[in-house]
Amino acid sequence: MPDTRSTYRPPARLLHWSMAVLILATIPVGLLMTQEGLARTLQNSLYIFHKNVGVLLLILVLLRLVYRARRQPPPLPASVPDWQHRIAGLSHLALYALLVIMPVAGYIRVRAGGFPIEALDAMGVPGFVPRSDALAETAQTIHYFGGLALMALVALHIGAALHHAVIRKDGVFSRIWPPFGG
């Protein structure tokens, strides 16, 4: 049964904004941690943060997909043209796909490269990927290009949200804002 509410429910808002904060923190860390000339302790800390937040993001996106399968999002306002409906649907689908692909590729890159994922190791979660330089390199390539695509889609998503909130003022942004309540 479709949702007749005009706003997202609180769990959807909490998942959206929690992920938004983590993604917006993880992207610059991912770009910075690979730069040469960083102090080794800083670089190690950035890698640890990036890997462990990636695991958390995978868990959150899976929860979000389960929630979304059970609770459809509220409909867009009637004032939104059909072409924007289609673009919004496609961009959300691409975001969800990348939010699964990115941490999976990162996990494979790290595990196949023989590196730890500290949070998973502390919980006793075994590595599910064999040590393989070729696999690690392939996963790293997927993670790199997926990261570029994710940055572009996040920028598009933020731009569209601001367009609806500031210029059109058509209620699209207020469906998900504020992060808590609603």
N, C-alpha and C. Protein backbone atom coordinates (compact mmCIF):
# COMPACT_ATOMS: atom_id res chain seq x y z
N MET A 1 0.84 -1.18 0.00
CA MET A 1 0.00 0.00 0.00
C MET A 1 0.89 1.25 0.00
N PRO A 2 0.70 2.17 -0.91
CA PRO A 2 1.54 3.37 -0.98
C PRO A 2 1.33 4.27 0.23
N ASP A 3 2.42 4.98 0.55
CA ASP A 3 2.38 5.92 1.67
C ASP A 3 1.60 7.16 1.24
N THR A 4 0.63 7.56 2.05
CA THR A 4 -0.15 8.76 1.73
C THR A 4 0.36 9.98 2.49
N ARG A 5 1.39 9.79 3.30
CA ARG A 5 1.99 10.92 4.02
C ARG A 5 2.69 11.85 3.04
N SER A 6 2.84 13.09 3.42
CA SER A 6 3.56 14.02 2.55
C SER A 6 5.04 14.13 2.96
N THR A 7 5.40 13.55 4.10
CA THR A 7 6.79 13.59 4.57
C THR A 7 7.28 12.18 4.87
N TYR A 8 8.59 12.04 4.91
CA TYR A 8 9.19 10.77 5.28
C TYR A 8 8.96 10.51 6.77
N ARG A 9 8.86 9.26 7.13
CA ARG A 9 8.71 8.88 8.53
C ARG A 9 10.04 9.09 9.26
N PRO A 10 9.99 9.24 10.59
CA PRO A 10 11.22 9.48 11.36
C PRO A 10 12.34 8.45 11.13
N PRO A 11 12.07 7.14 11.04
CA PRO A 11 13.19 6.22 10.80
C PRO A 11 13.88 6.48 9.45
N ALA A 12 13.12 6.82 8.43
CA ALA A 12 13.72 7.12 7.13
C ALA A 12 14.56 8.38 7.21
N ARG A 13 14.07 9.37 7.93
CA ARG A 13 14.84 10.62 8.10
C ARG A 13 16.15 10.35 8.84
N LEU A 14 16.05 9.58 9.91
CA LEU A 14 17.25 9.27 10.71
C LEU A 14 18.27 8.52 9.86
N LEU A 15 17.83 7.53 9.10
CA LEU A 15 18.75 6.79 8.24
C LEU A 15 19.36 7.70 7.17
N HIS A 16 18.53 8.53 6.54
CA HIS A 16 19.01 9.42 5.49
C HIS A 16 20.08 10.37 6.02
N TRP A 17 19.78 11.07 7.11
CA TRP A 17 20.71 12.09 7.59
C TRP A 17 21.93 11.49 8.27
N SER A 18 21.80 10.32 8.89
CA SER A 18 22.98 9.64 9.46
C SER A 18 23.94 9.27 8.34
N MET A 19 23.37 8.71 7.28
CA MET A 19 24.21 8.33 6.14
C MET A 19 24.80 9.57 5.46
N ALA A 20 24.02 10.62 5.35
CA ALA A 20 24.52 11.84 4.71
C ALA A 20 25.75 12.37 5.44
N VAL A 21 25.67 12.43 6.76
CA VAL A 21 26.81 12.92 7.54
C VAL A 21 28.03 12.02 7.35
N LEU A 22 27.81 10.70 7.42
CA LEU A 22 28.93 9.77 7.27
C LEU A 22 29.53 9.82 5.87
N ILE A 23 28.69 9.91 4.85
CA ILE A 23 29.20 9.99 3.48
C ILE A 23 29.98 11.27 3.27
N LEU A 24 29.43 12.39 3.77
CA LEU A 24 30.11 13.67 3.60
C LEU A 24 31.41 13.74 4.40
N ALA A 25 31.55 12.91 5.42
CA ALA A 25 32.82 12.82 6.16
C ALA A 25 33.78 11.87 5.46
N THR A 26 33.25 10.80 4.91
CA THR A 26 34.09 9.75 4.32
C THR A 26 34.73 10.17 3.00
N ILE A 27 34.02 10.94 2.20
CA ILE A 27 34.56 11.34 0.90
C ILE A 27 35.87 12.12 1.04
N PRO A 28 35.92 13.19 1.82
CA PRO A 28 37.20 13.90 1.91
C PRO A 28 38.29 13.07 2.58
N VAL A 29 37.91 12.21 3.53
CA VAL A 29 38.90 11.34 4.16
C VAL A 29 39.48 10.39 3.12
N GLY A 30 38.61 9.83 2.26
CA GLY A 30 39.08 8.94 1.20
C GLY A 30 40.02 9.63 0.23
N LEU A 31 39.77 10.88 -0.06
CA LEU A 31 40.65 11.64 -0.95
C LEU A 31 41.97 11.99 -0.26
N LEU A 32 41.90 12.35 1.00
CA LEU A 32 43.08 12.79 1.73
C LEU A 32 44.01 11.63 2.10
N MET A 33 43.45 10.50 2.48
CA MET A 33 44.27 9.41 3.02
C MET A 33 45.26 8.84 2.00
N THR A 34 45.02 9.03 0.73
CA THR A 34 45.91 8.48 -0.30
C THR A 34 46.98 9.47 -0.74
N GLN A 35 46.97 10.67 -0.17
CA GLN A 35 47.95 11.69 -0.56
C GLN A 35 49.32 11.37 0.03
N GLU A 36 50.33 11.58 -0.77
CA GLU A 36 51.70 11.38 -0.30
C GLU A 36 52.11 12.56 0.57
N GLY A 37 53.02 12.30 1.49
CA GLY A 37 53.54 13.35 2.34
C GLY A 37 52.81 13.51 3.66
N LEU A 38 51.76 12.74 3.88
CA LEU A 38 51.07 12.79 5.17
C LEU A 38 51.89 12.06 6.22
N ALA A 39 51.79 12.52 7.44
CA ALA A 39 52.41 11.78 8.54
C ALA A 39 51.80 10.39 8.59
N ARG A 40 52.61 9.38 8.78
CA ARG A 40 52.13 7.99 8.74
C ARG A 40 51.02 7.75 9.76
N THR A 41 51.12 8.34 10.96
CA THR A 41 50.08 8.12 11.97
C THR A 41 48.76 8.73 11.53
N LEU A 42 48.81 9.90 10.91
CA LEU A 42 47.58 10.53 10.40
C LEU A 42 47.00 9.68 9.27
N GLN A 43 47.84 9.24 8.36
CA GLN A 43 47.38 8.43 7.24
C GLN A 43 46.74 7.13 7.75
N ASN A 44 47.37 6.48 8.72
CA ASN A 44 46.81 5.25 9.30
C ASN A 44 45.45 5.52 9.93
N SER A 45 45.33 6.63 10.65
CA SER A 45 44.06 6.98 11.30
C SER A 45 42.96 7.23 10.26
N LEU A 46 43.32 7.89 9.18
CA LEU A 46 42.35 8.15 8.11
C LEU A 46 41.90 6.85 7.45
N TYR A 47 42.83 5.93 7.20
CA TYR A 47 42.46 4.64 6.62
C TYR A 47 41.54 3.87 7.55
N ILE A 48 41.87 3.85 8.84
CA ILE A 48 41.04 3.14 9.82
C ILE A 48 39.63 3.74 9.85
N PHE A 49 39.54 5.06 9.88
CA PHE A 49 38.24 5.74 9.87
C PHE A 49 37.46 5.35 8.61
N HIS A 50 38.10 5.46 7.44
CA HIS A 50 37.44 5.22 6.17
C HIS A 50 36.93 3.78 6.07
N LYS A 51 37.75 2.82 6.45
CA LYS A 51 37.34 1.41 6.37
C LYS A 51 36.18 1.11 7.30
N ASN A 52 36.27 1.59 8.52
CA ASN A 52 35.24 1.26 9.51
C ASN A 52 33.94 2.00 9.26
N VAL A 53 34.01 3.23 8.80
CA VAL A 53 32.78 3.96 8.43
C VAL A 53 32.16 3.30 7.20
N GLY A 54 32.99 2.79 6.30
CA GLY A 54 32.47 2.06 5.15
C GLY A 54 31.64 0.86 5.56
N VAL A 55 32.11 0.12 6.57
CA VAL A 55 31.34 -1.02 7.09
C VAL A 55 30.02 -0.52 7.67
N LEU A 56 30.07 0.54 8.45
CA LEU A 56 28.85 1.11 9.04
C LEU A 56 27.89 1.57 7.95
N LEU A 57 28.40 2.20 6.90
CA LEU A 57 27.54 2.66 5.81
C LEU A 57 26.88 1.49 5.08
N LEU A 58 27.60 0.40 4.91
CA LEU A 58 27.00 -0.77 4.27
C LEU A 58 25.84 -1.29 5.12
N ILE A 59 26.04 -1.37 6.41
CA ILE A 59 24.97 -1.82 7.31
C ILE A 59 23.77 -0.87 7.22
N LEU A 60 24.04 0.43 7.25
CA LEU A 60 22.96 1.41 7.20
C LEU A 60 22.21 1.37 5.86
N VAL A 61 22.93 1.22 4.75
CA VAL A 61 22.23 1.20 3.47
C VAL A 61 21.40 -0.08 3.34
N LEU A 62 21.88 -1.18 3.87
CA LEU A 62 21.08 -2.41 3.84
C LEU A 62 19.82 -2.25 4.69
N LEU A 63 19.96 -1.64 5.87
CA LEU A 63 18.79 -1.34 6.70
C LEU A 63 17.82 -0.43 5.96
N ARG A 64 18.39 0.55 5.29
CA ARG A 64 17.57 1.52 4.56
C ARG A 64 16.81 0.86 3.41
N LEU A 65 17.47 -0.06 2.72
CA LEU A 65 16.80 -0.77 1.62
C LEU A 65 15.67 -1.66 2.14
N VAL A 66 15.91 -2.32 3.27
CA VAL A 66 14.85 -3.13 3.88
C VAL A 66 13.69 -2.24 4.30
N TYR A 67 14.01 -1.12 4.96
CA TYR A 67 12.97 -0.19 5.40
C TYR A 67 12.18 0.33 4.20
N ARG A 68 12.91 0.70 3.14
CA ARG A 68 12.25 1.27 1.96
C ARG A 68 11.37 0.24 1.26
N ALA A 69 11.77 -1.03 1.30
CA ALA A 69 10.95 -2.08 0.70
C ALA A 69 9.64 -2.26 1.47
N ARG A 70 9.68 -1.96 2.77
CA ARG A 70 8.48 -2.10 3.60
C ARG A 70 7.66 -0.82 3.67
N ARG A 71 8.30 0.32 3.51
CA ARG A 71 7.63 1.63 3.61
C ARG A 71 8.04 2.49 2.42
N GLN A 72 7.18 2.58 1.45
CA GLN A 72 7.47 3.39 0.27
C GLN A 72 7.59 4.86 0.67
N PRO A 73 8.44 5.61 -0.04
CA PRO A 73 8.57 7.04 0.27
C PRO A 73 7.29 7.79 -0.08
N PRO A 74 7.09 8.93 0.54
CA PRO A 74 5.90 9.72 0.20
C PRO A 74 6.00 10.21 -1.24
N PRO A 75 4.87 10.40 -1.88
CA PRO A 75 4.90 10.84 -3.28
C PRO A 75 5.45 12.26 -3.40
N LEU A 76 6.06 12.51 -4.54
CA LEU A 76 6.51 13.87 -4.83
C LEU A 76 5.28 14.75 -5.03
N PRO A 77 5.40 16.05 -4.73
CA PRO A 77 4.27 16.95 -4.97
C PRO A 77 3.86 16.93 -6.45
N ALA A 78 2.59 17.17 -6.71
CA ALA A 78 2.06 17.17 -8.08
C ALA A 78 2.72 18.23 -8.96
N SER A 79 3.31 19.24 -8.32
CA SER A 79 3.95 20.32 -9.09
C SER A 79 5.28 19.89 -9.72
N VAL A 80 5.79 18.73 -9.33
CA VAL A 80 7.06 18.26 -9.89
C VAL A 80 6.79 17.60 -11.24
N PRO A 81 7.43 18.08 -12.31
CA PRO A 81 7.18 17.52 -13.65
C PRO A 81 7.61 16.05 -13.74
N ASP A 82 6.99 15.34 -14.69
CA ASP A 82 7.29 13.91 -14.88
C ASP A 82 8.77 13.64 -15.13
N TRP A 83 9.42 14.49 -15.92
CA TRP A 83 10.84 14.25 -16.21
C TRP A 83 11.67 14.33 -14.94
N GLN A 84 11.29 15.20 -13.99
CA GLN A 84 12.01 15.26 -12.72
C GLN A 84 11.72 14.04 -11.86
N HIS A 85 10.50 13.51 -11.94
CA HIS A 85 10.18 12.25 -11.26
C HIS A 85 11.13 11.15 -11.73
N ARG A 86 11.28 11.05 -13.05
CA ARG A 86 12.12 10.00 -13.63
C ARG A 86 13.58 10.19 -13.24
N ILE A 87 14.07 11.41 -13.32
CA ILE A 87 15.47 11.67 -12.96
C ILE A 87 15.69 11.40 -11.47
N ALA A 88 14.74 11.81 -10.64
CA ALA A 88 14.86 11.55 -9.20
C ALA A 88 14.90 10.04 -8.94
N GLY A 89 14.04 9.30 -9.60
CA GLY A 89 14.03 7.85 -9.42
C GLY A 89 15.33 7.20 -9.86
N LEU A 90 15.83 7.61 -11.02
CA LEU A 90 17.08 7.05 -11.53
C LEU A 90 18.27 7.44 -10.65
N SER A 91 18.29 8.68 -10.19
CA SER A 91 19.43 9.11 -9.36
C SER A 91 19.41 8.41 -8.00
N HIS A 92 18.21 8.21 -7.46
CA HIS A 92 18.14 7.47 -6.19
C HIS A 92 18.55 6.01 -6.37
N LEU A 93 18.14 5.41 -7.46
CA LEU A 93 18.55 4.04 -7.76
C LEU A 93 20.07 3.96 -7.89
N ALA A 94 20.66 4.91 -8.60
CA ALA A 94 22.12 4.93 -8.76
C ALA A 94 22.82 5.16 -7.42
N LEU A 95 22.27 6.05 -6.60
CA LEU A 95 22.85 6.27 -5.27
C LEU A 95 22.82 5.00 -4.43
N TYR A 96 21.68 4.32 -4.40
CA TYR A 96 21.58 3.07 -3.64
C TYR A 96 22.57 2.04 -4.17
N ALA A 97 22.66 1.91 -5.48
CA ALA A 97 23.59 0.95 -6.07
C ALA A 97 25.03 1.26 -5.66
N LEU A 98 25.42 2.53 -5.78
CA LEU A 98 26.78 2.90 -5.40
C LEU A 98 27.03 2.76 -3.90
N LEU A 99 26.01 3.00 -3.10
CA LEU A 99 26.17 2.87 -1.65
C LEU A 99 26.29 1.41 -1.21
N VAL A 100 25.97 0.49 -2.09
CA VAL A 100 26.25 -0.93 -1.84
C VAL A 100 27.59 -1.30 -2.48
N ILE A 101 27.80 -0.89 -3.72
CA ILE A 101 29.02 -1.24 -4.45
C ILE A 101 30.27 -0.70 -3.76
N MET A 102 30.23 0.54 -3.31
CA MET A 102 31.42 1.17 -2.74
C MET A 102 31.96 0.42 -1.52
N PRO A 103 31.15 0.17 -0.49
CA PRO A 103 31.73 -0.55 0.66
C PRO A 103 32.08 -2.00 0.34
N VAL A 104 31.33 -2.65 -0.56
CA VAL A 104 31.68 -4.02 -0.94
C VAL A 104 33.02 -4.03 -1.67
N ALA A 105 33.21 -3.13 -2.62
CA ALA A 105 34.49 -3.04 -3.33
C ALA A 105 35.61 -2.67 -2.38
N GLY A 106 35.35 -1.75 -1.44
CA GLY A 106 36.35 -1.38 -0.46
C GLY A 106 36.73 -2.56 0.43
N TYR A 107 35.71 -3.31 0.86
CA TYR A 107 35.95 -4.50 1.69
C TYR A 107 36.81 -5.50 0.93
N ILE A 108 36.47 -5.77 -0.33
CA ILE A 108 37.23 -6.74 -1.12
C ILE A 108 38.65 -6.24 -1.33
N ARG A 109 38.80 -4.95 -1.63
CA ARG A 109 40.14 -4.39 -1.83
C ARG A 109 41.00 -4.58 -0.58
N VAL A 110 40.43 -4.26 0.59
CA VAL A 110 41.19 -4.34 1.84
C VAL A 110 41.51 -5.80 2.19
N ARG A 111 40.51 -6.66 2.18
CA ARG A 111 40.73 -8.06 2.56
C ARG A 111 41.61 -8.80 1.56
N ALA A 112 41.38 -8.59 0.26
CA ALA A 112 42.21 -9.25 -0.75
C ALA A 112 43.64 -8.72 -0.70
N GLY A 113 43.80 -7.48 -0.25
CA GLY A 113 45.13 -6.89 -0.10
C GLY A 113 45.84 -7.32 1.17
N GLY A 114 45.14 -8.08 2.01
CA GLY A 114 45.75 -8.59 3.24
C GLY A 114 45.74 -7.61 4.40
N PHE A 115 44.86 -6.62 4.35
CA PHE A 115 44.80 -5.61 5.40
C PHE A 115 43.64 -5.87 6.35
N PRO A 116 43.72 -5.33 7.55
CA PRO A 116 42.63 -5.53 8.52
C PRO A 116 41.48 -4.54 8.31
N ILE A 117 40.33 -4.92 8.81
CA ILE A 117 39.22 -3.98 9.01
C ILE A 117 38.95 -4.08 10.51
N GLU A 118 39.46 -3.12 11.22
CA GLU A 118 39.59 -3.20 12.66
C GLU A 118 38.28 -3.51 13.38
N ALA A 119 37.19 -2.87 13.02
CA ALA A 119 35.91 -3.10 13.71
C ALA A 119 35.45 -4.55 13.51
N LEU A 120 35.56 -5.03 12.29
CA LEU A 120 35.15 -6.41 12.01
C LEU A 120 36.08 -7.42 12.69
N ASP A 121 37.37 -7.12 12.67
CA ASP A 121 38.33 -8.00 13.32
C ASP A 121 38.09 -8.06 14.82
N ALA A 122 37.77 -6.92 15.43
CA ALA A 122 37.50 -6.88 16.87
C ALA A 122 36.26 -7.69 17.24
N MET A 123 35.31 -7.79 16.30
CA MET A 123 34.10 -8.57 16.56
C MET A 123 34.27 -10.04 16.16
N GLY A 124 35.44 -10.39 15.65
CA GLY A 124 35.70 -11.77 15.27
C GLY A 124 35.10 -12.17 13.94
N VAL A 125 34.73 -11.19 13.11
CA VAL A 125 34.17 -11.51 11.80
C VAL A 125 35.31 -11.97 10.89
N PRO A 126 35.19 -13.17 10.33
CA PRO A 126 36.28 -13.66 9.47
C PRO A 126 36.31 -12.92 8.14
N GLY A 127 37.46 -12.94 7.51
CA GLY A 127 37.58 -12.40 6.16
C GLY A 127 36.93 -13.38 5.20
N PHE A 128 36.10 -12.90 4.31
CA PHE A 128 35.40 -13.76 3.37
C PHE A 128 36.05 -13.75 1.99
N VAL A 129 37.16 -13.05 1.87
CA VAL A 129 37.81 -12.87 0.58
C VAL A 129 39.24 -13.39 0.67
N PRO A 130 39.66 -14.20 -0.30
CA PRO A 130 41.04 -14.71 -0.26
C PRO A 130 42.06 -13.60 -0.57
N ARG A 131 43.25 -13.77 -0.08
CA ARG A 131 44.34 -12.85 -0.38
C ARG A 131 44.67 -12.97 -1.87
N SER A 132 44.58 -11.84 -2.60
CA SER A 132 44.83 -11.86 -4.04
C SER A 132 45.13 -10.45 -4.50
N ASP A 133 46.35 -10.24 -4.98
CA ASP A 133 46.71 -8.91 -5.47
C ASP A 133 45.87 -8.49 -6.67
N ALA A 134 45.59 -9.44 -7.56
CA ALA A 134 44.78 -9.12 -8.75
C ALA A 134 43.36 -8.72 -8.35
N LEU A 135 42.76 -9.46 -7.42
CA LEU A 135 41.43 -9.13 -6.94
C LEU A 135 41.43 -7.78 -6.22
N ALA A 136 42.45 -7.55 -5.41
CA ALA A 136 42.57 -6.26 -4.69
C ALA A 136 42.66 -5.11 -5.67
N GLU A 137 43.43 -5.30 -6.73
CA GLU A 137 43.60 -4.23 -7.72
C GLU A 137 42.30 -3.96 -8.48
N THR A 138 41.59 -5.01 -8.85
CA THR A 138 40.30 -4.84 -9.53
C THR A 138 39.30 -4.12 -8.63
N ALA A 139 39.23 -4.56 -7.37
CA ALA A 139 38.31 -3.92 -6.41
C ALA A 139 38.70 -2.47 -6.18
N GLN A 140 40.00 -2.18 -6.15
CA GLN A 140 40.46 -0.80 -5.95
C GLN A 140 40.02 0.08 -7.13
N THR A 141 40.11 -0.45 -8.34
CA THR A 141 39.68 0.29 -9.52
C THR A 141 38.17 0.57 -9.46
N ILE A 142 37.39 -0.44 -9.10
CA ILE A 142 35.94 -0.26 -8.97
C ILE A 142 35.64 0.78 -7.89
N HIS A 143 36.36 0.69 -6.77
CA HIS A 143 36.14 1.63 -5.66
C HIS A 143 36.50 3.06 -6.09
N TYR A 144 37.58 3.20 -6.83
CA TYR A 144 38.01 4.53 -7.27
C TYR A 144 36.98 5.17 -8.21
N PHE A 145 36.61 4.45 -9.26
CA PHE A 145 35.66 5.02 -10.22
C PHE A 145 34.26 5.13 -9.62
N GLY A 146 33.90 4.19 -8.77
CA GLY A 146 32.63 4.31 -8.05
C GLY A 146 32.63 5.54 -7.16
N GLY A 147 33.77 5.85 -6.56
CA GLY A 147 33.88 7.05 -5.73
C GLY A 147 33.67 8.32 -6.52
N LEU A 148 34.23 8.37 -7.72
CA LEU A 148 34.02 9.53 -8.58
C LEU A 148 32.54 9.68 -8.93
N ALA A 149 31.92 8.56 -9.29
CA ALA A 149 30.49 8.59 -9.62
C ALA A 149 29.66 8.98 -8.41
N LEU A 150 30.02 8.45 -7.24
CA LEU A 150 29.28 8.79 -6.02
C LEU A 150 29.41 10.27 -5.69
N MET A 151 30.61 10.82 -5.83
CA MET A 151 30.78 12.26 -5.57
C MET A 151 29.91 13.08 -6.52
N ALA A 152 29.85 12.69 -7.77
CA ALA A 152 29.03 13.43 -8.74
C ALA A 152 27.55 13.32 -8.38
N LEU A 153 27.10 12.13 -8.02
CA LEU A 153 25.69 11.95 -7.67
C LEU A 153 25.33 12.67 -6.37
N VAL A 154 26.23 12.65 -5.40
CA VAL A 154 25.98 13.38 -4.15
C VAL A 154 25.87 14.87 -4.43
N ALA A 155 26.76 15.38 -5.27
CA ALA A 155 26.68 16.81 -5.64
C ALA A 155 25.37 17.11 -6.35
N LEU A 156 24.95 16.24 -7.26
CA LEU A 156 23.67 16.41 -7.96
C LEU A 156 22.51 16.37 -6.97
N HIS A 157 22.56 15.42 -6.04
CA HIS A 157 21.49 15.26 -5.03
C HIS A 157 21.39 16.51 -4.15
N ILE A 158 22.53 16.99 -3.69
CA ILE A 158 22.54 18.20 -2.85
C ILE A 158 22.06 19.40 -3.66
N GLY A 159 22.53 19.51 -4.89
CA GLY A 159 22.10 20.62 -5.75
C GLY A 159 20.60 20.59 -5.99
N ALA A 160 20.05 19.41 -6.26
CA ALA A 160 18.60 19.30 -6.49
C ALA A 160 17.83 19.63 -5.21
N ALA A 161 18.34 19.16 -4.08
CA ALA A 161 17.66 19.46 -2.80
C ALA A 161 17.65 20.97 -2.53
N LEU A 162 18.78 21.62 -2.76
CA LEU A 162 18.84 23.07 -2.56
C LEU A 162 17.95 23.81 -3.56
N HIS A 163 17.91 23.33 -4.78
CA HIS A 163 17.04 23.94 -5.80
C HIS A 163 15.58 23.90 -5.34
N HIS A 164 15.15 22.73 -4.84
CA HIS A 164 13.77 22.61 -4.37
C HIS A 164 13.52 23.40 -3.09
N ALA A 165 14.53 23.47 -2.21
CA ALA A 165 14.35 24.16 -0.93
C ALA A 165 14.40 25.67 -1.06
N VAL A 166 15.32 26.18 -1.87
CA VAL A 166 15.59 27.62 -1.91
C VAL A 166 14.90 28.31 -3.09
N ILE A 167 14.92 27.68 -4.24
CA ILE A 167 14.40 28.34 -5.44
C ILE A 167 12.92 28.01 -5.66
N ARG A 168 12.61 26.72 -5.76
CA ARG A 168 11.23 26.33 -6.06
C ARG A 168 10.31 26.37 -4.84
N LYS A 169 10.86 26.09 -3.69
CA LYS A 169 10.08 26.07 -2.43
C LYS A 169 8.78 25.28 -2.62
N ASP A 170 8.93 24.08 -3.18
CA ASP A 170 7.76 23.29 -3.56
C ASP A 170 7.44 22.12 -2.63
N GLY A 171 8.13 22.04 -1.50
CA GLY A 171 7.83 20.99 -0.53
C GLY A 171 8.63 19.72 -0.70
N VAL A 172 9.45 19.62 -1.73
CA VAL A 172 10.25 18.40 -1.94
C VAL A 172 11.26 18.24 -0.80
N PHE A 173 11.99 19.30 -0.50
CA PHE A 173 13.01 19.22 0.55
C PHE A 173 12.38 19.01 1.93
N SER A 174 11.26 19.64 2.18
CA SER A 174 10.63 19.52 3.50
C SER A 174 10.08 18.12 3.76
N ARG A 175 10.04 17.27 2.74
CA ARG A 175 9.62 15.88 2.96
C ARG A 175 10.63 15.14 3.83
N ILE A 176 11.93 15.52 3.75
CA ILE A 176 12.99 14.81 4.47
C ILE A 176 13.61 15.68 5.58
N TRP A 177 13.28 16.96 5.61
CA TRP A 177 13.82 17.89 6.61
C TRP A 177 12.73 18.26 7.58
N PRO A 178 12.99 18.36 8.84
CA PRO A 178 14.26 18.23 9.55
C PRO A 178 14.65 16.77 9.73
N PRO A 179 15.91 16.55 10.12
CA PRO A 179 16.38 15.17 10.25
C PRO A 179 15.60 14.34 11.27
N PHE A 180 15.13 14.98 12.32
CA PHE A 180 14.40 14.26 13.36
C PHE A 180 12.98 14.81 13.42
N GLY A 181 12.03 13.96 13.64
CA GLY A 181 10.64 14.41 13.72
C GLY A 181 10.01 14.38 12.35
N GLY A 182 9.15 15.35 12.11
CA GLY A 182 8.55 15.42 10.79
C GLY A 182 7.07 15.37 10.77
